[in-house]
Amino acid sequence: RLDADFDSKKTASISITYGCNNFCTYCIVPYV
C-alpha cells in the first residue's frame, strides 16, 4: 500500500483489486 499524490484535489482513487481471472480472448491484462 502506497500513498499517492493526486493531480486533482477533488478526486482520489483507490485500487481495491489487482489482476483479472476472466481471460477475455482479446485482452492481454491477465497475462501482465
Full PDB file with SEQRES, HELIX, SHEET, SSBOND, CRYST1, ORIGX, SCALE, CONECT and MASTER records, all heavy atoms in Angstrom:
SEQRES   1 A   32  ARG LEU ASP ALA ASP PHE ASP SER LYS LYS THR ALA SER          
SEQRES   2 A   32  ILE SER ILE THR TYR GLY CYS ASN ASN PHE CYS THR TYR          
SEQRES   3 A   32  CYS ILE VAL PRO TYR VAL                                      
HELIX    1 AA1 VAL A   29  TYR A   31  5                                   3    
CRYST1    1.000    1.000    1.000  90.00  90.00  90.00 P 1           1          
ORIGX1      1.000000  0.000000  0.000000        0.00000                         
ORIGX2      0.000000  1.000000  0.000000        0.00000                         
ORIGX3      0.000000  0.000000  1.000000        0.00000                         
SCALE1      1.000000  0.000000  0.000000        0.00000                         
SCALE2      0.000000  1.000000  0.000000        0.00000                         
SCALE3      0.000000  0.000000  1.000000        0.00000                         
ATOM      1  N   ARG A   1       0.845  -1.184   0.000  1.00  0.00           N  
ATOM      2  CA  ARG A   1       0.000   0.000   0.000  1.00  0.00           C  
ATOM      3  C   ARG A   1       0.883   1.237   0.000  1.00  0.00           C  
ATOM      4  O   ARG A   1       1.760   1.383   0.851  1.00  0.00           O  
ATOM      5  CB  ARG A   1      -0.941   0.028   1.211  1.00  0.00           C  
ATOM      6  CG  ARG A   1      -1.828  -1.188   1.336  1.00  0.00           C  
ATOM      7  CD  ARG A   1      -2.762  -1.355   0.158  1.00  0.00           C  
ATOM      8  NE  ARG A   1      -3.864  -0.383   0.143  1.00  0.00           N  
ATOM      9  CZ  ARG A   1      -4.700  -0.261  -0.887  1.00  0.00           C  
ATOM     10  NH1 ARG A   1      -4.529  -0.972  -1.977  1.00  0.00           N  
ATOM     11  NH2 ARG A   1      -5.679   0.619  -0.821  1.00  0.00           N  
ATOM     12  N   LEU A   2       0.670   2.108  -0.946  1.00  0.00           N  
ATOM     13  CA  LEU A   2       1.496   3.293  -1.102  1.00  0.00           C  
ATOM     14  C   LEU A   2       0.630   4.541  -1.071  1.00  0.00           C  
ATOM     15  O   LEU A   2      -0.507   4.543  -1.567  1.00  0.00           O  
ATOM     16  CB  LEU A   2       2.258   3.240  -2.437  1.00  0.00           C  
ATOM     17  CG  LEU A   2       3.214   2.053  -2.635  1.00  0.00           C  
ATOM     18  CD1 LEU A   2       3.697   2.010  -4.077  1.00  0.00           C  
ATOM     19  CD2 LEU A   2       4.403   2.163  -1.687  1.00  0.00           C  
ATOM     20  N   ASP A   3       1.170   5.604  -0.473  1.00  0.00           N  
ATOM     21  CA  ASP A   3       0.488   6.892  -0.504  1.00  0.00           C  
ATOM     22  C   ASP A   3       0.514   7.433  -1.932  1.00  0.00           C  
ATOM     23  O   ASP A   3       1.314   7.001  -2.760  1.00  0.00           O  
ATOM     24  CB  ASP A   3       1.176   7.868   0.453  1.00  0.00           C  
ATOM     25  CG  ASP A   3       0.274   9.048   0.818  1.00  0.00           C  
ATOM     26  OD1 ASP A   3      -0.900   9.064   0.399  1.00  0.00           O  
ATOM     27  OD2 ASP A   3       0.759   9.961   1.527  1.00  0.00           O  
ATOM     28  N   ALA A   4      -0.363   8.371  -2.225  1.00  0.00           N  
ATOM     29  CA  ALA A   4      -0.453   8.900  -3.581  1.00  0.00           C  
ATOM     30  C   ALA A   4      -0.545  10.415  -3.557  1.00  0.00           C  
ATOM     31  O   ALA A   4      -1.044  11.009  -2.596  1.00  0.00           O  
ATOM     32  CB  ALA A   4      -1.674   8.306  -4.297  1.00  0.00           C  
ATOM     33  N   ASP A   5      -0.048  11.031  -4.613  1.00  0.00           N  
ATOM     34  CA  ASP A   5      -0.156  12.472  -4.790  1.00  0.00           C  
ATOM     35  C   ASP A   5      -0.985  12.727  -6.044  1.00  0.00           C  
ATOM     36  O   ASP A   5      -0.487  12.667  -7.160  1.00  0.00           O  
ATOM     37  CB  ASP A   5       1.235  13.093  -4.925  1.00  0.00           C  
ATOM     38  CG  ASP A   5       1.198  14.603  -5.054  1.00  0.00           C  
ATOM     39  OD1 ASP A   5       0.366  15.229  -4.371  1.00  0.00           O  
ATOM     40  OD2 ASP A   5       1.970  15.166  -5.851  1.00  0.00           O  
ATOM     41  N   PHE A   6      -2.293  12.981  -5.866  1.00  0.00           N  
ATOM     42  CA  PHE A   6      -3.205  13.140  -6.989  1.00  0.00           C  
ATOM     43  C   PHE A   6      -3.152  14.561  -7.538  1.00  0.00           C  
ATOM     44  O   PHE A   6      -3.047  15.534  -6.794  1.00  0.00           O  
ATOM     45  CB  PHE A   6      -4.638  12.801  -6.574  1.00  0.00           C  
ATOM     46  CG  PHE A   6      -4.809  11.370  -6.153  1.00  0.00           C  
ATOM     47  CD1 PHE A   6      -4.879  11.027  -4.810  1.00  0.00           C  
ATOM     48  CD2 PHE A   6      -4.881  10.361  -7.093  1.00  0.00           C  
ATOM     49  CE1 PHE A   6      -5.018   9.712  -4.417  1.00  0.00           C  
ATOM     50  CE2 PHE A   6      -5.022   9.036  -6.708  1.00  0.00           C  
ATOM     51  CZ  PHE A   6      -5.087   8.711  -5.371  1.00  0.00           C  
ATOM     52  N   ASP A   7      -3.225  14.641  -8.877  1.00  0.00           N  
ATOM     53  CA  ASP A   7      -3.208  15.954  -9.523  1.00  0.00           C  
ATOM     54  C   ASP A   7      -4.409  16.791  -9.091  1.00  0.00           C  
ATOM     55  O   ASP A   7      -4.299  17.977  -8.841  1.00  0.00           O  
ATOM     56  CB  ASP A   7      -3.208  15.806 -11.049  1.00  0.00           C  
ATOM     57  CG  ASP A   7      -1.887  15.250 -11.559  1.00  0.00           C  
ATOM     58  OD1 ASP A   7      -0.865  15.402 -10.858  1.00  0.00           O  
ATOM     59  OD2 ASP A   7      -1.877  14.660 -12.659  1.00  0.00           O  
ATOM     60  N   SER A   8      -5.559  16.143  -9.009  1.00  0.00           N  
ATOM     61  CA  SER A   8      -6.765  16.848  -8.596  1.00  0.00           C  
ATOM     62  C   SER A   8      -6.925  16.774  -7.082  1.00  0.00           C  
ATOM     63  O   SER A   8      -6.730  15.723  -6.479  1.00  0.00           O  
ATOM     64  CB  SER A   8      -8.005  16.223  -9.251  1.00  0.00           C  
ATOM     65  OG  SER A   8      -9.189  16.702  -8.651  1.00  0.00           O  
ATOM     66  N   LYS A   9      -7.246  17.893  -6.467  1.00  0.00           N  
ATOM     67  CA  LYS A   9      -7.515  17.902  -5.035  1.00  0.00           C  
ATOM     68  C   LYS A   9      -8.971  17.558  -4.741  1.00  0.00           C  
ATOM     69  O   LYS A   9      -9.408  17.583  -3.602  1.00  0.00           O  
ATOM     70  CB  LYS A   9      -7.154  19.261  -4.438  1.00  0.00           C  
ATOM     71  CG  LYS A   9      -5.663  19.605  -4.576  1.00  0.00           C  
ATOM     72  CD  LYS A   9      -4.768  18.524  -3.960  1.00  0.00           C  
ATOM     73  CE  LYS A   9      -3.288  18.846  -4.117  1.00  0.00           C  
ATOM     74  NZ  LYS A   9      -2.436  17.719  -3.616  1.00  0.00           N  
ATOM     75  N   LYS A  10      -9.719  17.249  -5.802  1.00  0.00           N  
ATOM     76  CA  LYS A  10     -11.123  16.893  -5.656  1.00  0.00           C  
ATOM     77  C   LYS A  10     -11.349  15.389  -5.740  1.00  0.00           C  
ATOM     78  O   LYS A  10     -12.245  14.849  -5.125  1.00  0.00           O  
ATOM     79  CB  LYS A  10     -11.962  17.592  -6.744  1.00  0.00           C  
ATOM     80  CG  LYS A  10     -11.881  19.099  -6.708  1.00  0.00           C  
ATOM     81  CD  LYS A  10     -12.573  19.749  -7.862  1.00  0.00           C  
ATOM     82  CE  LYS A  10     -11.840  19.464  -9.154  1.00  0.00           C  
ATOM     83  NZ  LYS A  10     -10.501  20.136  -9.229  1.00  0.00           N  
ATOM     84  N   THR A  11     -10.506  14.707  -6.540  1.00  0.00           N  
ATOM     85  CA  THR A  11     -10.721  13.297  -6.840  1.00  0.00           C  
ATOM     86  C   THR A  11      -9.539  12.447  -6.402  1.00  0.00           C  
ATOM     87  O   THR A  11      -8.400  12.729  -6.754  1.00  0.00           O  
ATOM     88  CB  THR A  11     -10.963  13.100  -8.348  1.00  0.00           C  
ATOM     89  OG1 THR A  11     -12.099  13.879  -8.755  1.00  0.00           O  
ATOM     90  CG2 THR A  11     -11.226  11.635  -8.658  1.00  0.00           C  
ATOM     91  N   ALA A  12      -9.836  11.396  -5.640  1.00  0.00           N  
ATOM     92  CA  ALA A  12      -8.834  10.407  -5.256  1.00  0.00           C  
ATOM     93  C   ALA A  12      -9.286   9.042  -5.759  1.00  0.00           C  
ATOM     94  O   ALA A  12     -10.478   8.815  -5.994  1.00  0.00           O  
ATOM     95  CB  ALA A  12      -8.658  10.378  -3.734  1.00  0.00           C  
ATOM     96  N   SER A  13      -8.361   8.133  -5.947  1.00  0.00           N  
ATOM     97  CA  SER A  13      -8.712   6.786  -6.391  1.00  0.00           C  
ATOM     98  C   SER A  13      -8.017   5.746  -5.529  1.00  0.00           C  
ATOM     99  O   SER A  13      -6.939   5.982  -4.994  1.00  0.00           O  
ATOM    100  CB  SER A  13      -8.357   6.588  -7.869  1.00  0.00           C  
ATOM    101  OG  SER A  13      -6.974   6.778  -8.097  1.00  0.00           O  
ATOM    102  N   ILE A  14      -8.666   4.597  -5.412  1.00  0.00           N  
ATOM    103  CA  ILE A  14      -8.161   3.500  -4.579  1.00  0.00           C  
ATOM    104  C   ILE A  14      -8.269   2.196  -5.371  1.00  0.00           C  
ATOM    105  O   ILE A  14      -9.348   1.847  -5.845  1.00  0.00           O  
ATOM    106  CB  ILE A  14      -8.977   3.367  -3.276  1.00  0.00           C  
ATOM    107  CG1 ILE A  14      -8.939   4.669  -2.473  1.00  0.00           C  
ATOM    108  CG2 ILE A  14      -8.458   2.203  -2.434  1.00  0.00           C  
ATOM    109  CD1 ILE A  14      -9.913   4.678  -1.302  1.00  0.00           C  
ATOM    110  N   SER A  15      -7.184   1.479  -5.501  1.00  0.00           N  
ATOM    111  CA  SER A  15      -7.221   0.156  -6.118  1.00  0.00           C  
ATOM    112  C   SER A  15      -7.757  -0.847  -5.096  1.00  0.00           C  
ATOM    113  O   SER A  15      -7.175  -1.019  -4.032  1.00  0.00           O  
ATOM    114  CB  SER A  15      -5.827  -0.264  -6.580  1.00  0.00           C  
ATOM    115  OG  SER A  15      -5.363   0.595  -7.610  1.00  0.00           O  
ATOM    116  N   ILE A  16      -8.872  -1.503  -5.420  1.00  0.00           N  
ATOM    117  CA  ILE A  16      -9.458  -2.477  -4.496  1.00  0.00           C  
ATOM    118  C   ILE A  16      -9.168  -3.914  -4.924  1.00  0.00           C  
ATOM    119  O   ILE A  16      -9.251  -4.833  -4.114  1.00  0.00           O  
ATOM    120  CB  ILE A  16     -10.972  -2.271  -4.320  1.00  0.00           C  
ATOM    121  CG1 ILE A  16     -11.734  -2.576  -5.603  1.00  0.00           C  
ATOM    122  CG2 ILE A  16     -11.266  -0.844  -3.844  1.00  0.00           C  
ATOM    123  CD1 ILE A  16     -13.236  -2.673  -5.411  1.00  0.00           C  
ATOM    124  N   THR A  17      -8.858  -4.107  -6.201  1.00  0.00           N  
ATOM    125  CA  THR A  17      -8.419  -5.410  -6.684  1.00  0.00           C  
ATOM    126  C   THR A  17      -7.275  -5.209  -7.670  1.00  0.00           C  
ATOM    127  O   THR A  17      -7.140  -4.140  -8.273  1.00  0.00           O  
ATOM    128  CB  THR A  17      -9.537  -6.203  -7.399  1.00  0.00           C  
ATOM    129  OG1 THR A  17      -9.892  -5.550  -8.625  1.00  0.00           O  
ATOM    130  CG2 THR A  17     -10.766  -6.359  -6.523  1.00  0.00           C  
ATOM    131  N   TYR A  18      -6.482  -6.254  -7.817  1.00  0.00           N  
ATOM    132  CA  TYR A  18      -5.420  -6.280  -8.812  1.00  0.00           C  
ATOM    133  C   TYR A  18      -5.561  -7.556  -9.634  1.00  0.00           C  
ATOM    134  O   TYR A  18      -5.956  -8.602  -9.110  1.00  0.00           O  
ATOM    135  CB  TYR A  18      -4.041  -6.251  -8.152  1.00  0.00           C  
ATOM    136  CG  TYR A  18      -3.739  -4.972  -7.402  1.00  0.00           C  
ATOM    137  CD1 TYR A  18      -4.106  -4.836  -6.068  1.00  0.00           C  
ATOM    138  CD2 TYR A  18      -3.098  -3.904  -8.022  1.00  0.00           C  
ATOM    139  CE1 TYR A  18      -3.841  -3.663  -5.370  1.00  0.00           C  
ATOM    140  CE2 TYR A  18      -2.827  -2.729  -7.335  1.00  0.00           C  
ATOM    141  CZ  TYR A  18      -3.202  -2.621  -6.010  1.00  0.00           C  
ATOM    142  OH  TYR A  18      -2.934  -1.449  -5.333  1.00  0.00           O  
ATOM    143  N   GLY A  19      -5.235  -7.466 -10.912  1.00  0.00           N  
ATOM    144  CA  GLY A  19      -5.268  -8.648 -11.752  1.00  0.00           C  
ATOM    145  C   GLY A  19      -6.662  -8.995 -12.260  1.00  0.00           C  
ATOM    146  O   GLY A  19      -7.649  -8.312 -11.964  1.00  0.00           O  
ATOM    147  N   CYS A  20      -6.739 -10.080 -13.009  1.00  0.00           N  
ATOM    148  CA  CYS A  20      -8.004 -10.476 -13.628  1.00  0.00           C  
ATOM    149  C   CYS A  20      -7.990 -11.971 -13.912  1.00  0.00           C  
ATOM    150  O   CYS A  20      -6.975 -12.531 -14.337  1.00  0.00           O  
ATOM    151  CB  CYS A  20      -8.204  -9.703 -14.939  1.00  0.00           C  
ATOM    152  SG  CYS A  20      -9.788 -10.019 -15.745  1.00  0.00           S  
ATOM    153  N   ASN A  21      -9.143 -12.616 -13.687  1.00  0.00           N  
ATOM    154  CA  ASN A  21      -9.282 -14.050 -13.935  1.00  0.00           C  
ATOM    155  C   ASN A  21     -10.136 -14.370 -15.160  1.00  0.00           C  
ATOM    156  O   ASN A  21     -10.422 -15.529 -15.434  1.00  0.00           O  
ATOM    157  CB  ASN A  21      -9.928 -14.738 -12.723  1.00  0.00           C  
ATOM    158  CG  ASN A  21      -9.029 -14.772 -11.509  1.00  0.00           C  
ATOM    159  OD1 ASN A  21      -7.840 -14.481 -11.592  1.00  0.00           O  
ATOM    160  ND2 ASN A  21      -9.591 -15.100 -10.358  1.00  0.00           N  
ATOM    161  N   ASN A  22     -10.553 -13.361 -15.904  1.00  0.00           N  
ATOM    162  CA  ASN A  22     -11.573 -13.578 -16.928  1.00  0.00           C  
ATOM    163  C   ASN A  22     -11.038 -14.096 -18.257  1.00  0.00           C  
ATOM    164  O   ASN A  22     -11.737 -14.790 -18.979  1.00  0.00           O  
ATOM    165  CB  ASN A  22     -12.358 -12.286 -17.159  1.00  0.00           C  
ATOM    166  CG  ASN A  22     -13.220 -11.929 -15.965  1.00  0.00           C  
ATOM    167  OD1 ASN A  22     -13.867 -12.793 -15.382  1.00  0.00           O  
ATOM    168  ND2 ASN A  22     -13.209 -10.676 -15.573  1.00  0.00           N  
ATOM    169  N   PHE A  23      -9.853 -13.715 -18.637  1.00  0.00           N  
ATOM    170  CA  PHE A  23      -9.234 -14.175 -19.878  1.00  0.00           C  
ATOM    171  C   PHE A  23     -10.142 -13.973 -21.094  1.00  0.00           C  
ATOM    172  O   PHE A  23     -10.386 -14.902 -21.875  1.00  0.00           O  
ATOM    173  CB  PHE A  23      -8.805 -15.640 -19.766  1.00  0.00           C  
ATOM    174  CG  PHE A  23      -7.623 -15.844 -18.850  1.00  0.00           C  
ATOM    175  CD1 PHE A  23      -7.821 -16.131 -17.507  1.00  0.00           C  
ATOM    176  CD2 PHE A  23      -6.329 -15.686 -19.322  1.00  0.00           C  
ATOM    177  CE1 PHE A  23      -6.735 -16.298 -16.648  1.00  0.00           C  
ATOM    178  CE2 PHE A  23      -5.245 -15.841 -18.460  1.00  0.00           C  
ATOM    179  CZ  PHE A  23      -5.443 -16.152 -17.130  1.00  0.00           C  
ATOM    180  N   CYS A  24     -10.666 -12.758 -21.231  1.00  0.00           N  
ATOM    181  CA  CYS A  24     -11.331 -12.394 -22.478  1.00  0.00           C  
ATOM    182  C   CYS A  24     -10.323 -12.592 -23.608  1.00  0.00           C  
ATOM    183  O   CYS A  24      -9.145 -12.251 -23.463  1.00  0.00           O  
ATOM    184  CB  CYS A  24     -11.818 -10.946 -22.432  1.00  0.00           C  
ATOM    185  SG  CYS A  24     -13.009 -10.622 -21.095  1.00  0.00           S  
ATOM    186  N   THR A  25     -10.766 -13.119 -24.715  1.00  0.00           N  
ATOM    187  CA  THR A  25      -9.828 -13.580 -25.739  1.00  0.00           C  
ATOM    188  C   THR A  25      -9.087 -12.453 -26.450  1.00  0.00           C  
ATOM    189  O   THR A  25      -8.100 -12.699 -27.142  1.00  0.00           O  
ATOM    190  CB  THR A  25     -10.548 -14.438 -26.790  1.00  0.00           C  
ATOM    191  OG1 THR A  25     -11.641 -13.691 -27.367  1.00  0.00           O  
ATOM    192  CG2 THR A  25     -11.100 -15.718 -26.146  1.00  0.00           C  
ATOM    193  N   TYR A  26      -9.563 -11.192 -26.289  1.00  0.00           N  
ATOM    194  CA  TYR A  26      -8.916 -10.059 -26.937  1.00  0.00           C  
ATOM    195  C   TYR A  26      -7.962  -9.304 -26.015  1.00  0.00           C  
ATOM    196  O   TYR A  26      -7.301  -8.363 -26.439  1.00  0.00           O  
ATOM    197  CB  TYR A  26      -9.975  -9.055 -27.437  1.00  0.00           C  
ATOM    198  CG  TYR A  26     -10.957  -8.637 -26.360  1.00  0.00           C  
ATOM    199  CD1 TYR A  26     -10.646  -7.680 -25.423  1.00  0.00           C  
ATOM    200  CD2 TYR A  26     -12.209  -9.244 -26.280  1.00  0.00           C  
ATOM    201  CE1 TYR A  26     -11.533  -7.332 -24.421  1.00  0.00           C  
ATOM    202  CE2 TYR A  26     -13.108  -8.904 -25.286  1.00  0.00           C  
ATOM    203  CZ  TYR A  26     -12.773  -7.948 -24.367  1.00  0.00           C  
ATOM    204  OH  TYR A  26     -13.659  -7.610 -23.378  1.00  0.00           O  
ATOM    205  N   CYS A  27      -7.874  -9.712 -24.747  1.00  0.00           N  
ATOM    206  CA  CYS A  27      -7.250  -8.884 -23.715  1.00  0.00           C  
ATOM    207  C   CYS A  27      -5.963  -9.501 -23.191  1.00  0.00           C  
ATOM    208  O   CYS A  27      -5.906 -10.695 -22.864  1.00  0.00           O  
ATOM    209  CB  CYS A  27      -8.237  -8.658 -22.573  1.00  0.00           C  
ATOM    210  SG  CYS A  27      -7.632  -7.514 -21.302  1.00  0.00           S  
ATOM    211  N   ILE A  28      -4.947  -8.670 -23.037  1.00  0.00           N  
ATOM    212  CA  ILE A  28      -3.636  -9.105 -22.546  1.00  0.00           C  
ATOM    213  C   ILE A  28      -3.499  -8.925 -21.034  1.00  0.00           C  
ATOM    214  O   ILE A  28      -2.554  -9.434 -20.417  1.00  0.00           O  
ATOM    215  CB  ILE A  28      -2.522  -8.308 -23.277  1.00  0.00           C  
ATOM    216  CG1 ILE A  28      -1.147  -8.970 -23.114  1.00  0.00           C  
ATOM    217  CG2 ILE A  28      -2.474  -6.852 -22.783  1.00  0.00           C  
ATOM    218  CD1 ILE A  28      -0.989 -10.235 -23.913  1.00  0.00           C  
ATOM    219  N   VAL A  29      -4.455  -8.222 -20.398  1.00  0.00           N  
ATOM    220  CA  VAL A  29      -4.315  -7.823 -18.997  1.00  0.00           C  
ATOM    221  C   VAL A  29      -4.012  -8.984 -18.042  1.00  0.00           C  
ATOM    222  O   VAL A  29      -3.113  -8.875 -17.200  1.00  0.00           O  
ATOM    223  CB  VAL A  29      -5.556  -7.024 -18.528  1.00  0.00           C  
ATOM    224  CG1 VAL A  29      -5.587  -6.897 -16.995  1.00  0.00           C  
ATOM    225  CG2 VAL A  29      -5.549  -5.637 -19.150  1.00  0.00           C  
ATOM    226  N   PRO A  30      -4.728 -10.133 -18.105  1.00  0.00           N  
ATOM    227  CA  PRO A  30      -4.415 -11.208 -17.147  1.00  0.00           C  
ATOM    228  C   PRO A  30      -2.978 -11.703 -17.234  1.00  0.00           C  
ATOM    229  O   PRO A  30      -2.432 -12.210 -16.248  1.00  0.00           O  
ATOM    230  CB  PRO A  30      -5.404 -12.316 -17.534  1.00  0.00           C  
ATOM    231  CG  PRO A  30      -6.518 -11.619 -18.232  1.00  0.00           C  
ATOM    232  CD  PRO A  30      -5.877 -10.489 -18.972  1.00  0.00           C  
ATOM    233  N   TYR A  31      -2.391 -11.551 -18.411  1.00  0.00           N  
ATOM    234  CA  TYR A  31      -1.026 -12.035 -18.611  1.00  0.00           C  
ATOM    235  C   TYR A  31       0.018 -11.066 -18.045  1.00  0.00           C  
ATOM    236  O   TYR A  31       1.154 -11.479 -17.782  1.00  0.00           O  
ATOM    237  CB  TYR A  31      -0.762 -12.273 -20.099  1.00  0.00           C  
ATOM    238  CG  TYR A  31      -1.733 -13.251 -20.727  1.00  0.00           C  
ATOM    239  CD1 TYR A  31      -2.828 -12.789 -21.457  1.00  0.00           C  
ATOM    240  CD2 TYR A  31      -1.567 -14.615 -20.577  1.00  0.00           C  
ATOM    241  CE1 TYR A  31      -3.729 -13.670 -22.029  1.00  0.00           C  
ATOM    242  CE2 TYR A  31      -2.466 -15.513 -21.143  1.00  0.00           C  
ATOM    243  CZ  TYR A  31      -3.540 -15.031 -21.868  1.00  0.00           C  
ATOM    244  OH  TYR A  31      -4.448 -15.911 -22.425  1.00  0.00           O  
ATOM    245  N   VAL A  32      -0.353  -9.795 -17.889  1.00  0.00           N  
ATOM    246  CA  VAL A  32       0.620  -8.816 -17.392  1.00  0.00           C  
ATOM    247  C   VAL A  32       0.310  -8.329 -15.979  1.00  0.00           C  
ATOM    248  O   VAL A  32       1.204  -7.830 -15.286  1.00  0.00           O  
ATOM    249  CB  VAL A  32       0.743  -7.602 -18.350  1.00  0.00           C  
ATOM    250  CG1 VAL A  32       1.338  -8.040 -19.671  1.00  0.00           C  
ATOM    251  CG2 VAL A  32      -0.587  -6.894 -18.565  1.00  0.00           C  
TER     252      VAL A  32                                                      
MASTER        0    0    0    1    0    0    0    6  251    1    0    3          
END                                                                             
